[in-house]
């Protein structure tokens, strides 16, 4: 696995440990659009693993690819239905808390 990039995003809601939440609920549109610099190429259709602190990881495929050095964001990388995929919280999350999001190519 190679690190595509990482960014710290702010939670928009409180989530209790064990609850299910999706990325659309957890992060505002503005947060999901925040860009990070792609560290490696991630072409459309590439498999990636998205790790959000305090949530279970998610594997998916890239919707709109990025090349090394280009701006990338969850908004561009993830398919619309990935934003609605429910993930289980491994710890409590507080509204306003910064969560590290990392994306790795598989």
PDB file of N, CA and C in Angstrom:
ATOM      1  N   UNK A   1       0.840  -1.180   0.000  1.00  0.00           N
ATOM      2  CA  UNK A   1       0.000   0.000   0.000  1.00  0.00           C
ATOM      3  C   UNK A   1       0.885   1.244   0.000  1.00  0.00           C
ATOM      4  N   UNK A   2       0.468   2.246  -0.738  1.00  0.00           N
ATOM      5  CA  UNK A   2       1.179   3.514  -0.791  1.00  0.00           C
ATOM      6  C   UNK A   2       0.241   4.619  -0.329  1.00  0.00           C
ATOM      7  N   UNK A   3       0.771   5.547   0.434  1.00  0.00           N
ATOM      8  CA  UNK A   3      -0.032   6.658   0.933  1.00  0.00           C
ATOM      9  C   UNK A   3      -0.355   7.609  -0.211  1.00  0.00           C
ATOM     10  N   UNK A   4      -1.633   7.769  -0.505  1.00  0.00           N
ATOM     11  CA  UNK A   4      -2.085   8.730  -1.505  1.00  0.00           C
ATOM     12  C   UNK A   4      -2.077  10.125  -0.909  1.00  0.00           C
ATOM     13  N   UNK A   5      -2.523  10.236   0.345  1.00  0.00           N
ATOM     14  CA  UNK A   5      -2.525  11.520   1.019  1.00  0.00           C
ATOM     15  C   UNK A   5      -3.291  11.463   2.316  1.00  0.00           C
ATOM     16  N   UNK A   6      -3.190  12.554   3.064  1.00  0.00           N
ATOM     17  CA  UNK A   6      -3.929  12.645   4.323  1.00  0.00           C
ATOM     18  C   UNK A   6      -4.321  14.091   4.572  1.00  0.00           C
ATOM     19  N   UNK A   7      -5.351  14.245   5.393  1.00  0.00           N
ATOM     20  CA  UNK A   7      -5.868  15.572   5.717  1.00  0.00           C
ATOM     21  C   UNK A   7      -6.631  15.476   7.031  1.00  0.00           C
ATOM     22  N   UNK A   8      -6.695  16.562   7.758  1.00  0.00           N
ATOM     23  CA  UNK A   8      -7.453  16.615   9.008  1.00  0.00           C
ATOM     24  C   UNK A   8      -8.758  17.362   8.723  1.00  0.00           C
ATOM     25  N   UNK A   9      -9.889  16.680   8.967  1.00  0.00           N
ATOM     26  CA  UNK A   9     -11.207  17.267   8.728  1.00  0.00           C
ATOM     27  C   UNK A   9     -11.968  17.378  10.041  1.00  0.00           C
ATOM     28  N   UNK A  10     -12.872  18.347  10.121  1.00  0.00           N
ATOM     29  CA  UNK A  10     -13.627  18.618  11.341  1.00  0.00           C
ATOM     30  C   UNK A  10     -14.990  17.941  11.305  1.00  0.00           C
ATOM     31  N   UNK A  11     -15.289  17.195  12.368  1.00  0.00           N
ATOM     32  CA  UNK A  11     -16.576  16.491  12.479  1.00  0.00           C
ATOM     33  C   UNK A  11     -17.717  17.495  12.627  1.00  0.00           C
ATOM     34  N   UNK A  12     -18.827  17.230  11.938  1.00  0.00           N
ATOM     35  CA  UNK A  12     -19.996  18.110  11.978  1.00  0.00           C
ATOM     36  C   UNK A  12     -21.037  17.647  12.990  1.00  0.00           C
ATOM     37  N   UNK A  13     -20.881  16.424  13.514  1.00  0.00           N
ATOM     38  CA  UNK A  13     -21.874  15.853  14.431  1.00  0.00           C
ATOM     39  C   UNK A  13     -21.177  15.054  15.530  1.00  0.00           C
ATOM     40  N   UNK A  14     -21.914  14.816  16.617  1.00  0.00           N
ATOM     41  CA  UNK A  14     -21.468  13.903  17.667  1.00  0.00           C
ATOM     42  C   UNK A  14     -21.829  12.484  17.253  1.00  0.00           C
ATOM     43  N   UNK A  15     -20.935  11.544  17.524  1.00  0.00           N
ATOM     44  CA  UNK A  15     -21.186  10.131  17.241  1.00  0.00           C
ATOM     45  C   UNK A  15     -20.700   9.336  18.447  1.00  0.00           C
ATOM     46  N   UNK A  16     -21.551   8.462  18.957  1.00  0.00           N
ATOM     47  CA  UNK A  16     -21.185   7.604  20.088  1.00  0.00           C
ATOM     48  C   UNK A  16     -20.485   6.348  19.580  1.00  0.00           C
ATOM     49  N   UNK A  17     -19.614   5.814  20.406  1.00  0.00           N
ATOM     50  CA  UNK A  17     -18.933   4.556  20.088  1.00  0.00           C
ATOM     51  C   UNK A  17     -19.982   3.485  19.767  1.00  0.00           C
ATOM     52  N   UNK A  18     -19.772   2.767  18.669  1.00  0.00           N
ATOM     53  CA  UNK A  18     -20.689   1.707  18.256  1.00  0.00           C
ATOM     54  C   UNK A  18     -21.791   2.170  17.318  1.00  0.00           C
ATOM     55  N   UNK A  19     -22.018   3.480  17.228  1.00  0.00           N
ATOM     56  CA  UNK A  19     -23.036   3.999  16.305  1.00  0.00           C
ATOM     57  C   UNK A  19     -22.511   3.959  14.869  1.00  0.00           C
ATOM     58  N   UNK A  20     -23.455   3.960  13.937  1.00  0.00           N
ATOM     59  CA  UNK A  20     -23.120   4.008  12.515  1.00  0.00           C
ATOM     60  C   UNK A  20     -23.279   5.444  12.020  1.00  0.00           C
ATOM     61  N   UNK A  21     -22.358   5.856  11.171  1.00  0.00           N
ATOM     62  CA  UNK A  21     -22.397   7.196  10.589  1.00  0.00           C
ATOM     63  C   UNK A  21     -21.790   7.100   9.192  1.00  0.00           C
ATOM     64  N   UNK A  22     -22.246   7.973   8.291  1.00  0.00           N
ATOM     65  CA  UNK A  22     -21.623   8.008   6.967  1.00  0.00           C
ATOM     66  C   UNK A  22     -20.836   9.306   6.821  1.00  0.00           C
ATOM     67  N   UNK A  23     -19.995   9.374   5.808  1.00  0.00           N
ATOM     68  CA  UNK A  23     -19.125  10.537   5.633  1.00  0.00           C
ATOM     69  C   UNK A  23     -19.909  11.794   5.285  1.00  0.00           C
ATOM     70  N   UNK A  24     -21.057  11.637   4.656  1.00  0.00           N
ATOM     71  CA  UNK A  24     -21.901  12.796   4.343  1.00  0.00           C
ATOM     72  C   UNK A  24     -22.421  13.439   5.633  1.00  0.00           C
ATOM     73  N   UNK A  25     -22.765  12.609   6.624  1.00  0.00           N
ATOM     74  CA  UNK A  25     -23.233  13.124   7.912  1.00  0.00           C
ATOM     75  C   UNK A  25     -22.074  13.667   8.744  1.00  0.00           C
ATOM     76  N   UNK A  26     -20.961  12.951   8.722  1.00  0.00           N
ATOM     77  CA  UNK A  26     -19.840  13.279   9.600  1.00  0.00           C
ATOM     78  C   UNK A  26     -19.125  14.559   9.201  1.00  0.00           C
ATOM     79  N   UNK A  27     -18.979  14.796   7.900  1.00  0.00           N
ATOM     80  CA  UNK A  27     -18.247  15.970   7.419  1.00  0.00           C
ATOM     81  C   UNK A  27     -19.136  16.832   6.528  1.00  0.00           C
ATOM     82  N   UNK A  28     -19.062  18.143   6.710  1.00  0.00           N
ATOM     83  CA  UNK A  28     -19.816  19.073   5.864  1.00  0.00           C
ATOM     84  C   UNK A  28     -19.266  19.032   4.438  1.00  0.00           C
ATOM     85  N   UNK A  29     -20.018  19.592   3.514  1.00  0.00           N
ATOM     86  CA  UNK A  29     -19.573  19.667   2.116  1.00  0.00           C
ATOM     87  C   UNK A  29     -18.232  20.392   2.039  1.00  0.00           C
ATOM     88  N   UNK A  30     -18.098  21.479   2.789  1.00  0.00           N
ATOM     89  CA  UNK A  30     -16.853  22.250   2.773  1.00  0.00           C
ATOM     90  C   UNK A  30     -15.672  21.394   3.217  1.00  0.00           C
ATOM     91  N   UNK A  31     -15.873  20.588   4.250  1.00  0.00           N
ATOM     92  CA  UNK A  31     -14.800  19.718   4.737  1.00  0.00           C
ATOM     93  C   UNK A  31     -14.459  18.648   3.703  1.00  0.00           C
ATOM     94  N   UNK A  32     -15.470  18.036   3.108  1.00  0.00           N
ATOM     95  CA  UNK A  32     -15.227  16.976   2.120  1.00  0.00           C
ATOM     96  C   UNK A  32     -14.514  17.505   0.881  1.00  0.00           C
ATOM     97  N   UNK A  33     -14.643  18.790   0.615  1.00  0.00           N
ATOM     98  CA  UNK A  33     -14.004  19.396  -0.561  1.00  0.00           C
ATOM     99  C   UNK A  33     -12.578  19.868  -0.282  1.00  0.00           C
ATOM    100  N   UNK A  34     -12.146  19.878   0.975  1.00  0.00           N
ATOM    101  CA  UNK A  34     -10.790  20.322   1.298  1.00  0.00           C
ATOM    102  C   UNK A  34      -9.778  19.423   0.601  1.00  0.00           C
ATOM    103  N   UNK A  35      -8.789  20.063   0.001  1.00  0.00           N
ATOM    104  CA  UNK A  35      -7.826  19.328  -0.820  1.00  0.00           C
ATOM    105  C   UNK A  35      -6.541  18.997  -0.068  1.00  0.00           C
ATOM    106  N   UNK A  36      -5.947  17.898  -0.490  1.00  0.00           N
ATOM    107  CA  UNK A  36      -4.602  17.522  -0.063  1.00  0.00           C
ATOM    108  C   UNK A  36      -3.823  17.196  -1.331  1.00  0.00           C
ATOM    109  N   UNK A  37      -2.510  17.169  -1.244  1.00  0.00           N
ATOM    110  CA  UNK A  37      -1.682  16.881  -2.408  1.00  0.00           C
ATOM    111  C   UNK A  37      -1.488  15.378  -2.555  1.00  0.00           C
ATOM    112  N   UNK A  38      -1.805  14.856  -3.727  1.00  0.00           N
ATOM    113  CA  UNK A  38      -1.634  13.426  -3.994  1.00  0.00           C
ATOM    114  C   UNK A  38      -0.143  13.087  -3.981  1.00  0.00           C
ATOM    115  N   UNK A  39       0.225  12.102  -3.179  1.00  0.00           N
ATOM    116  CA  UNK A  39       1.625  11.675  -3.062  1.00  0.00           C
ATOM    117  C   UNK A  39       2.006  10.638  -4.116  1.00  0.00           C
ATOM    118  N   UNK A  40       0.994   9.968  -4.671  1.00  0.00           N
ATOM    119  CA  UNK A  40       1.201   8.958  -5.723  1.00  0.00           C
ATOM    120  C   UNK A  40       0.064   9.083  -6.733  1.00  0.00           C
ATOM    121  N   UNK A  41       0.229   8.477  -7.892  1.00  0.00           N
ATOM    122  CA  UNK A  41      -0.853   8.436  -8.876  1.00  0.00           C
ATOM    123  C   UNK A  41      -1.984   7.551  -8.362  1.00  0.00           C
ATOM    124  N   UNK A  42      -3.212   7.980  -8.584  1.00  0.00           N
ATOM    125  CA  UNK A  42      -4.402   7.189  -8.248  1.00  0.00           C
ATOM    126  C   UNK A  42      -5.389   7.351  -9.399  1.00  0.00           C
ATOM    127  N   UNK A  43      -5.238   6.547 -10.442  1.00  0.00           N
ATOM    128  CA  UNK A  43      -6.117   6.686 -11.602  1.00  0.00           C
ATOM    129  C   UNK A  43      -7.553   6.275 -11.292  1.00  0.00           C
ATOM    130  N   UNK A  44      -8.469   6.746 -12.097  1.00  0.00           N
ATOM    131  CA  UNK A  44      -9.869   6.343 -11.972  1.00  0.00           C
ATOM    132  C   UNK A  44      -9.950   4.821 -11.989  1.00  0.00           C
ATOM    133  N   UNK A  45     -10.704   4.266 -11.035  1.00  0.00           N
ATOM    134  CA  UNK A  45     -10.865   2.822 -10.943  1.00  0.00           C
ATOM    135  C   UNK A  45      -9.858   2.126 -10.041  1.00  0.00           C
ATOM    136  N   UNK A  46      -8.844   2.864  -9.564  1.00  0.00           N
ATOM    137  CA  UNK A  46      -7.852   2.264  -8.663  1.00  0.00           C
ATOM    138  C   UNK A  46      -8.501   1.932  -7.321  1.00  0.00           C
ATOM    139  N   UNK A  47      -8.046   0.858  -6.703  1.00  0.00           N
ATOM    140  CA  UNK A  47      -8.558   0.485  -5.382  1.00  0.00           C
ATOM    141  C   UNK A  47      -7.835   1.298  -4.316  1.00  0.00           C
ATOM    142  N   UNK A  48      -8.613   1.816  -3.355  1.00  0.00           N
ATOM    143  CA  UNK A  48      -8.047   2.589  -2.254  1.00  0.00           C
ATOM    144  C   UNK A  48      -8.689   2.176  -0.932  1.00  0.00           C
ATOM    145  N   UNK A  49      -7.980   2.477   0.139  1.00  0.00           N
ATOM    146  CA  UNK A  49      -8.487   2.269   1.490  1.00  0.00           C
ATOM    147  C   UNK A  49      -8.545   3.634   2.154  1.00  0.00           C
ATOM    148  N   UNK A  50      -9.719   3.981   2.678  1.00  0.00           N
ATOM    149  CA  UNK A  50      -9.922   5.257   3.353  1.00  0.00           C
ATOM    150  C   UNK A  50     -10.007   4.986   4.852  1.00  0.00           C
ATOM    151  N   UNK A  51      -9.112   5.616   5.603  1.00  0.00           N
ATOM    152  CA  UNK A  51      -9.091   5.479   7.058  1.00  0.00           C
ATOM    153  C   UNK A  51      -9.449   6.818   7.683  1.00  0.00           C
ATOM    154  N   UNK A  52     -10.555   6.854   8.399  1.00  0.00           N
ATOM    155  CA  UNK A  52     -10.951   8.037   9.159  1.00  0.00           C
ATOM    156  C   UNK A  52     -10.735   7.688  10.622  1.00  0.00           C
ATOM    157  N   UNK A  53     -10.002   8.526  11.340  1.00  0.00           N
ATOM    158  CA  UNK A  53      -9.754   8.269  12.757  1.00  0.00           C
ATOM    159  C   UNK A  53     -11.074   7.997  13.466  1.00  0.00           C
ATOM    160  N   UNK A  54     -11.086   6.987  14.322  1.00  0.00           N
ATOM    161  CA  UNK A  54     -12.228   6.610  15.154  1.00  0.00           C
ATOM    162  C   UNK A  54     -13.364   5.931  14.395  1.00  0.00           C
ATOM    163  N   UNK A  55     -13.158   5.616  13.099  1.00  0.00           N
ATOM    164  CA  UNK A  55     -14.146   4.866  12.316  1.00  0.00           C
ATOM    165  C   UNK A  55     -13.474   3.636  11.725  1.00  0.00           C
ATOM    166  N   UNK A  56     -14.292   2.628  11.409  1.00  0.00           N
ATOM    167  CA  UNK A  56     -13.741   1.466  10.717  1.00  0.00           C
ATOM    168  C   UNK A  56     -13.287   1.899   9.324  1.00  0.00           C
ATOM    169  N   UNK A  57     -12.239   1.273   8.770  1.00  0.00           N
ATOM    170  CA  UNK A  57     -11.763   1.654   7.434  1.00  0.00           C
ATOM    171  C   UNK A  57     -12.731   1.215   6.339  1.00  0.00           C
ATOM    172  N   UNK A  58     -12.585   1.829   5.175  1.00  0.00           N
ATOM    173  CA  UNK A  58     -13.448   1.532   4.036  1.00  0.00           C
ATOM    174  C   UNK A  58     -12.572   1.331   2.803  1.00  0.00           C
ATOM    175  N   UNK A  59     -12.840   0.280   2.044  1.00  0.00           N
ATOM    176  CA  UNK A  59     -12.169   0.063   0.766  1.00  0.00           C
ATOM    177  C   UNK A  59     -13.147   0.374  -0.356  1.00  0.00           C
ATOM    178  N   UNK A  60     -12.638   1.015  -1.400  1.00  0.00           N
ATOM    179  CA  UNK A  60     -13.482   1.398  -2.526  1.00  0.00           C
ATOM    180  C   UNK A  60     -12.604   1.598  -3.758  1.00  0.00           C
ATOM    181  N   UNK A  61     -13.191   2.117  -4.826  1.00  0.00           N
ATOM    182  CA  UNK A  61     -12.422   2.453  -6.019  1.00  0.00           C
ATOM    183  C   UNK A  61     -12.536   3.956  -6.273  1.00  0.00           C
ATOM    184  N   UNK A  62     -11.503   4.511  -6.884  1.00  0.00           N
ATOM    185  CA  UNK A  62     -11.435   5.951  -7.146  1.00  0.00           C
ATOM    186  C   UNK A  62     -12.450   6.333  -8.222  1.00  0.00           C
ATOM    187  N   UNK A  63     -13.201   7.404  -7.958  1.00  0.00           N
ATOM    188  CA  UNK A  63     -14.169   7.912  -8.926  1.00  0.00           C
ATOM    189  C   UNK A  63     -13.471   8.815  -9.945  1.00  0.00           C
ATOM    190  N   UNK A  64     -12.850   9.892  -9.477  1.00  0.00           N
ATOM    191  CA  UNK A  64     -12.097  10.802 -10.346  1.00  0.00           C
ATOM    192  C   UNK A  64     -10.637  10.752  -9.921  1.00  0.00           C
ATOM    193  N   UNK A  65      -9.794  10.218 -10.771  1.00  0.00           N
ATOM    194  CA  UNK A  65      -8.394  10.002 -10.430  1.00  0.00           C
ATOM    195  C   UNK A  65      -7.597  11.277 -10.228  1.00  0.00           C
ATOM    196  N   UNK A  66      -6.445  11.104  -9.588  1.00  0.00           N
ATOM    197  CA  UNK A  66      -5.492  12.188  -9.360  1.00  0.00           C
ATOM    198  C   UNK A  66      -4.093  11.688  -9.689  1.00  0.00           C
ATOM    199  N   UNK A  67      -3.255  12.595 -10.167  1.00  0.00           N
ATOM    200  CA  UNK A  67      -1.858  12.269 -10.427  1.00  0.00           C
ATOM    201  C   UNK A  67      -1.004  12.835  -9.303  1.00  0.00           C
ATOM    202  N   UNK A  68       0.155  12.243  -9.121  1.00  0.00           N
ATOM    203  CA  UNK A  68       1.080  12.694  -8.090  1.00  0.00           C
ATOM    204  C   UNK A  68       1.307  14.197  -8.229  1.00  0.00           C
ATOM    205  N   UNK A  69       1.181  14.909  -7.110  1.00  0.00           N
ATOM    206  CA  UNK A  69       1.383  16.352  -7.096  1.00  0.00           C
ATOM    207  C   UNK A  69       0.117  17.163  -7.307  1.00  0.00           C
ATOM    208  N   UNK A  70      -0.947  16.532  -7.780  1.00  0.00           N
ATOM    209  CA  UNK A  70      -2.218  17.230  -7.999  1.00  0.00           C
ATOM    210  C   UNK A  70      -3.030  17.303  -6.712  1.00  0.00           C
ATOM    211  N   UNK A  71      -3.992  18.220  -6.710  1.00  0.00           N
ATOM    212  CA  UNK A  71      -4.921  18.328  -5.581  1.00  0.00           C
ATOM    213  C   UNK A  71      -5.917  17.177  -5.640  1.00  0.00           C
ATOM    214  N   UNK A  72      -6.187  16.593  -4.480  1.00  0.00           N
ATOM    215  CA  UNK A  72      -7.173  15.517  -4.363  1.00  0.00           C
ATOM    216  C   UNK A  72      -8.043  15.819  -3.149  1.00  0.00           C
ATOM    217  N   UNK A  73      -9.249  15.261  -3.124  1.00  0.00           N
ATOM    218  CA  UNK A  73     -10.154  15.451  -1.988  1.00  0.00           C
ATOM    219  C   UNK A  73     -11.104  14.261  -1.921  1.00  0.00           C
ATOM    220  N   UNK A  74     -11.748  14.089  -0.771  1.00  0.00           N
ATOM    221  CA  UNK A  74     -12.742  13.023  -0.656  1.00  0.00           C
ATOM    222  C   UNK A  74     -13.850  13.231  -1.674  1.00  0.00           C
ATOM    223  N   UNK A  75     -14.218  14.484  -1.903  1.00  0.00           N
ATOM    224  CA  UNK A  75     -15.282  14.831  -2.847  1.00  0.00           C
ATOM    225  C   UNK A  75     -14.978  14.271  -4.235  1.00  0.00           C
ATOM    226  N   UNK A  76     -13.726  14.383  -4.670  1.00  0.00           N
ATOM    227  CA  UNK A  76     -13.335  13.906  -6.005  1.00  0.00           C
ATOM    228  C   UNK A  76     -13.059  12.411  -6.038  1.00  0.00           C
ATOM    229  N   UNK A  77     -12.416  11.902  -5.004  1.00  0.00           N
ATOM    230  CA  UNK A  77     -11.966  10.510  -5.019  1.00  0.00           C
ATOM    231  C   UNK A  77     -13.088   9.498  -4.837  1.00  0.00           C
ATOM    232  N   UNK A  78     -14.075   9.836  -3.998  1.00  0.00           N
ATOM    233  CA  UNK A  78     -15.109   8.863  -3.645  1.00  0.00           C
ATOM    234  C   UNK A  78     -16.335   8.973  -4.537  1.00  0.00           C
ATOM    235  N   UNK A  79     -16.937   7.837  -4.809  1.00  0.00           N
ATOM    236  CA  UNK A  79     -18.213   7.820  -5.521  1.00  0.00           C
ATOM    237  C   UNK A  79     -19.303   8.303  -4.570  1.00  0.00           C
ATOM    238  N   UNK A  80     -20.380   8.824  -5.109  1.00  0.00           N
ATOM    239  CA  UNK A  80     -21.448   9.403  -4.293  1.00  0.00           C
ATOM    240  C   UNK A  80     -21.988   8.395  -3.285  1.00  0.00           C
ATOM    241  N   UNK A  81     -22.104   7.122  -3.693  1.00  0.00           N
ATOM    242  CA  UNK A  81     -22.645   6.132  -2.757  1.00  0.00           C
ATOM    243  C   UNK A  81     -21.652   5.790  -1.650  1.00  0.00           C
ATOM    244  N   UNK A  82     -20.350   6.041  -1.872  1.00  0.00           N
ATOM    245  CA  UNK A  82     -19.375   5.832  -0.795  1.00  0.00           C
ATOM    246  C   UNK A  82     -19.606   6.813   0.350  1.00  0.00           C
ATOM    247  N   UNK A  83     -20.073   8.012   0.018  1.00  0.00           N
ATOM    248  CA  UNK A  83     -20.350   9.012   1.055  1.00  0.00           C
ATOM    249  C   UNK A  83     -21.509   8.588   1.941  1.00  0.00           C
ATOM    250  N   UNK A  84     -22.376   7.706   1.434  1.00  0.00           N
ATOM    251  CA  UNK A  84     -23.537   7.230   2.191  1.00  0.00           C
ATOM    252  C   UNK A  84     -23.298   5.881   2.868  1.00  0.00           C
ATOM    253  N   UNK A  85     -22.137   5.290   2.662  1.00  0.00           N
ATOM    254  CA  UNK A  85     -21.832   3.996   3.288  1.00  0.00           C
ATOM    255  C   UNK A  85     -21.667   4.194   4.799  1.00  0.00           C
ATOM    256  N   UNK A  86     -22.431   3.426   5.565  1.00  0.00           N
ATOM    257  CA  UNK A  86     -22.372   3.558   7.018  1.00  0.00           C
ATOM    258  C   UNK A  86     -21.159   2.828   7.580  1.00  0.00           C
ATOM    259  N   UNK A  87     -20.442   3.529   8.460  1.00  0.00           N
ATOM    260  CA  UNK A  87     -19.257   2.996   9.116  1.00  0.00           C
ATOM    261  C   UNK A  87     -19.471   3.053  10.624  1.00  0.00           C
ATOM    262  N   UNK A  88     -18.940   2.085  11.340  1.00  0.00           N
ATOM    263  CA  UNK A  88     -19.111   2.007  12.790  1.00  0.00           C
ATOM    264  C   UNK A  88     -18.006   2.804  13.483  1.00  0.00           C
ATOM    265  N   UNK A  89     -18.409   3.610  14.463  1.00  0.00           N
ATOM    266  CA  UNK A  89     -17.451   4.387  15.251  1.00  0.00           C
ATOM    267  C   UNK A  89     -16.798   3.491  16.296  1.00  0.00           C
ATOM    268  N   UNK A  90     -15.470   3.500  16.348  1.00  0.00           N
ATOM    269  CA  UNK A  90     -14.736   2.703  17.334  1.00  0.00           C
ATOM    270  C   UNK A  90     -14.539   3.472  18.640  1.00  0.00           C
ATOM    271  N   UNK A  91     -14.737   4.791  18.583  1.00  0.00           N
ATOM    272  CA  UNK A  91     -14.637   5.668  19.755  1.00  0.00           C
ATOM    273  C   UNK A  91     -15.660   6.787  19.596  1.00  0.00           C
ATOM    274  N   UNK A  92     -15.961   7.477  20.697  1.00  0.00           N
ATOM    275  CA  UNK A  92     -16.838   8.641  20.629  1.00  0.00           C
ATOM    276  C   UNK A  92     -16.179   9.728  19.784  1.00  0.00           C
ATOM    277  N   UNK A  93     -16.997  10.429  19.005  1.00  0.00           N
ATOM    278  CA  UNK A  93     -16.549  11.564  18.200  1.00  0.00           C
ATOM    279  C   UNK A  93     -17.373  12.769  18.628  1.00  0.00           C
ATOM    280  N   UNK A  94     -16.704  13.890  18.866  1.00  0.00           N
ATOM    281  CA  UNK A  94     -17.397  15.113  19.262  1.00  0.00           C
ATOM    282  C   UNK A  94     -17.486  16.081  18.078  1.00  0.00           C
ATOM    283  N   UNK A  95     -18.616  16.752  17.972  1.00  0.00           N
ATOM    284  CA  UNK A  95     -18.786  17.791  16.951  1.00  0.00           C
ATOM    285  C   UNK A  95     -17.666  18.814  17.126  1.00  0.00           C
ATOM    286  N   UNK A  96     -17.017  19.185  16.037  1.00  0.00           N
ATOM    287  CA  UNK A  96     -15.921  20.143  16.079  1.00  0.00           C
ATOM    288  C   UNK A  96     -14.549  19.506  16.245  1.00  0.00           C
ATOM    289  N   UNK A  97     -14.519  18.211  16.488  1.00  0.00           N
ATOM    290  CA  UNK A  97     -13.255  17.490  16.664  1.00  0.00           C
ATOM    291  C   UNK A  97     -12.571  17.280  15.314  1.00  0.00           C
ATOM    292  N   UNK A  98     -11.277  17.460  15.276  1.00  0.00           N
ATOM    293  CA  UNK A  98     -10.501  17.199  14.070  1.00  0.00           C
ATOM    294  C   UNK A  98     -10.168  15.724  13.961  1.00  0.00           C
ATOM    295  N   UNK A  99     -10.453  15.135  12.809  1.00  0.00           N
ATOM    296  CA  UNK A  99     -10.191  13.713  12.574  1.00  0.00           C
ATOM    297  C   UNK A  99      -9.235  13.556  11.397  1.00  0.00           C
ATOM    298  N   UNK A 100      -8.194  12.777  11.594  1.00  0.00           N
ATOM    299  CA  UNK A 100      -7.223  12.523  10.531  1.00  0.00           C
ATOM    300  C   UNK A 100      -7.822  11.530   9.530  1.00  0.00           C
ATOM    301  N   UNK A 101      -7.778  11.886   8.269  1.00  0.00           N
ATOM    302  CA  UNK A 101      -8.266  11.025   7.192  1.00  0.00           C
ATOM    303  C   UNK A 101      -7.070  10.689   6.305  1.00  0.00           C
ATOM    304  N   UNK A 102      -6.815   9.396   6.112  1.00  0.00           N
ATOM    305  CA  UNK A 102      -5.735   8.973   5.225  1.00  0.00           C
ATOM    306  C   UNK A 102      -6.315   8.100   4.118  1.00  0.00           C
ATOM    307  N   UNK A 103      -5.744   8.249   2.937  1.00  0.00           N
ATOM    308  CA  UNK A 103      -6.168   7.455   1.784  1.00  0.00           C
ATOM    309  C   UNK A 103      -4.927   6.743   1.253  1.00  0.00           C
ATOM    310  N   UNK A 104      -5.027   5.421   1.129  1.00  0.00           N
ATOM    311  CA  UNK A 104      -3.920   4.604   0.645  1.00  0.00           C
ATOM    312  C   UNK A 104      -4.354   3.848  -0.602  1.00  0.00           C
ATOM    313  N   UNK A 105      -3.453   3.725  -1.555  1.00  0.00           N
ATOM    314  CA  UNK A 105      -3.744   2.897  -2.723  1.00  0.00           C
ATOM    315  C   UNK A 105      -3.480   1.443  -2.355  1.00  0.00           C
ATOM    316  N   UNK A 106      -4.263   0.541  -2.936  1.00  0.00           N
ATOM    317  CA  UNK A 106      -4.105  -0.895  -2.654  1.00  0.00           C
ATOM    318  C   UNK A 106      -3.470  -1.611  -3.828  1.00  0.00           C
TER     319      UNK A 106
END
